[in-house]
Amino acid sequence: MSEKKVKFKFEKENKNSVRFEEVPEDGMPPVIGSIYVQKWFAGSSKKIEITIKKTD
């Protein structure tokens, strides 16, 4: 099992959600791209981090 932490920065706010844009590591392509997080959870966060676990 491998694990990857992906960092995101605030991109824009919608009615009920916040869009975050991935900050890729130097020289690497994005793993996820952009994601939407519901406002009730995201709050006023400008940065978030998501951990992905790959199970084989």
Protein backbone atom coordinates (compact mmCIF):
# COMPACT_ATOMS: atom_id res chain seq x y z
CA MET A 1 0.00 0.00 0.00
CA SER A 2 1.39 3.41 -0.93
CA GLU A 3 0.29 6.79 0.36
CA LYS A 4 0.45 10.26 -1.25
CA LYS A 5 -0.31 13.65 0.29
CA VAL A 6 -1.69 16.14 -2.23
CA LYS A 7 -1.79 19.88 -1.44
CA PHE A 8 -4.43 22.28 -2.72
CA LYS A 9 -4.87 26.05 -2.68
CA PHE A 10 -8.06 28.12 -2.80
CA GLU A 11 -9.29 28.84 -6.31
CA LYS A 12 -12.86 30.18 -6.05
CA GLU A 13 -16.02 30.09 -3.98
CA ASN A 14 -19.43 28.95 -5.25
CA LYS A 15 -22.85 29.03 -3.62
CA ASN A 16 -22.43 25.86 -1.52
CA SER A 17 -18.85 24.79 -2.18
CA VAL A 18 -15.25 25.95 -2.48
CA ARG A 19 -13.02 24.98 -5.39
CA PHE A 20 -9.40 24.12 -4.64
CA GLU A 21 -6.62 23.81 -7.22
CA GLU A 22 -3.86 21.24 -6.78
CA VAL A 23 -0.34 22.49 -6.15
CA PRO A 24 1.78 19.87 -7.95
CA GLU A 25 5.26 18.93 -6.78
CA ASP A 26 8.13 20.39 -8.81
CA GLY A 27 8.44 18.67 -12.18
CA MET A 28 5.44 16.39 -11.60
CA PRO A 29 2.01 16.51 -13.26
CA PRO A 30 -1.12 16.96 -11.09
CA VAL A 31 -2.49 13.81 -9.45
CA ILE A 32 -6.09 15.03 -9.00
CA GLY A 33 -6.42 18.52 -10.51
CA SER A 34 -9.19 20.59 -8.94
CA ILE A 35 -11.70 19.50 -6.32
CA TYR A 36 -14.85 20.93 -4.77
CA VAL A 37 -15.30 20.83 -0.99
CA GLN A 38 -18.59 21.73 0.69
CA LYS A 39 -18.55 25.11 2.48
CA TRP A 40 -19.72 23.64 5.79
CA PHE A 41 -16.42 21.69 5.92
CA ALA A 42 -14.00 23.99 4.07
CA GLY A 43 -14.98 27.11 6.01
CA SER A 44 -12.52 29.90 5.26
CA SER A 45 -9.53 27.63 4.59
CA LYS A 46 -7.16 28.82 1.87
CA LYS A 47 -5.13 25.58 1.81
CA ILE A 48 -6.07 21.95 2.29
CA GLU A 49 -4.22 18.63 2.10
CA ILE A 50 -5.66 15.27 1.09
CA THR A 51 -4.05 11.88 1.68
CA ILE A 52 -4.63 9.17 -0.93
CA LYS A 53 -3.96 5.55 -0.07
CA LYS A 54 -3.43 3.17 -2.97
CA THR A 55 -4.23 -0.45 -2.11
CA ASP A 56 -3.17 -3.28 -4.38
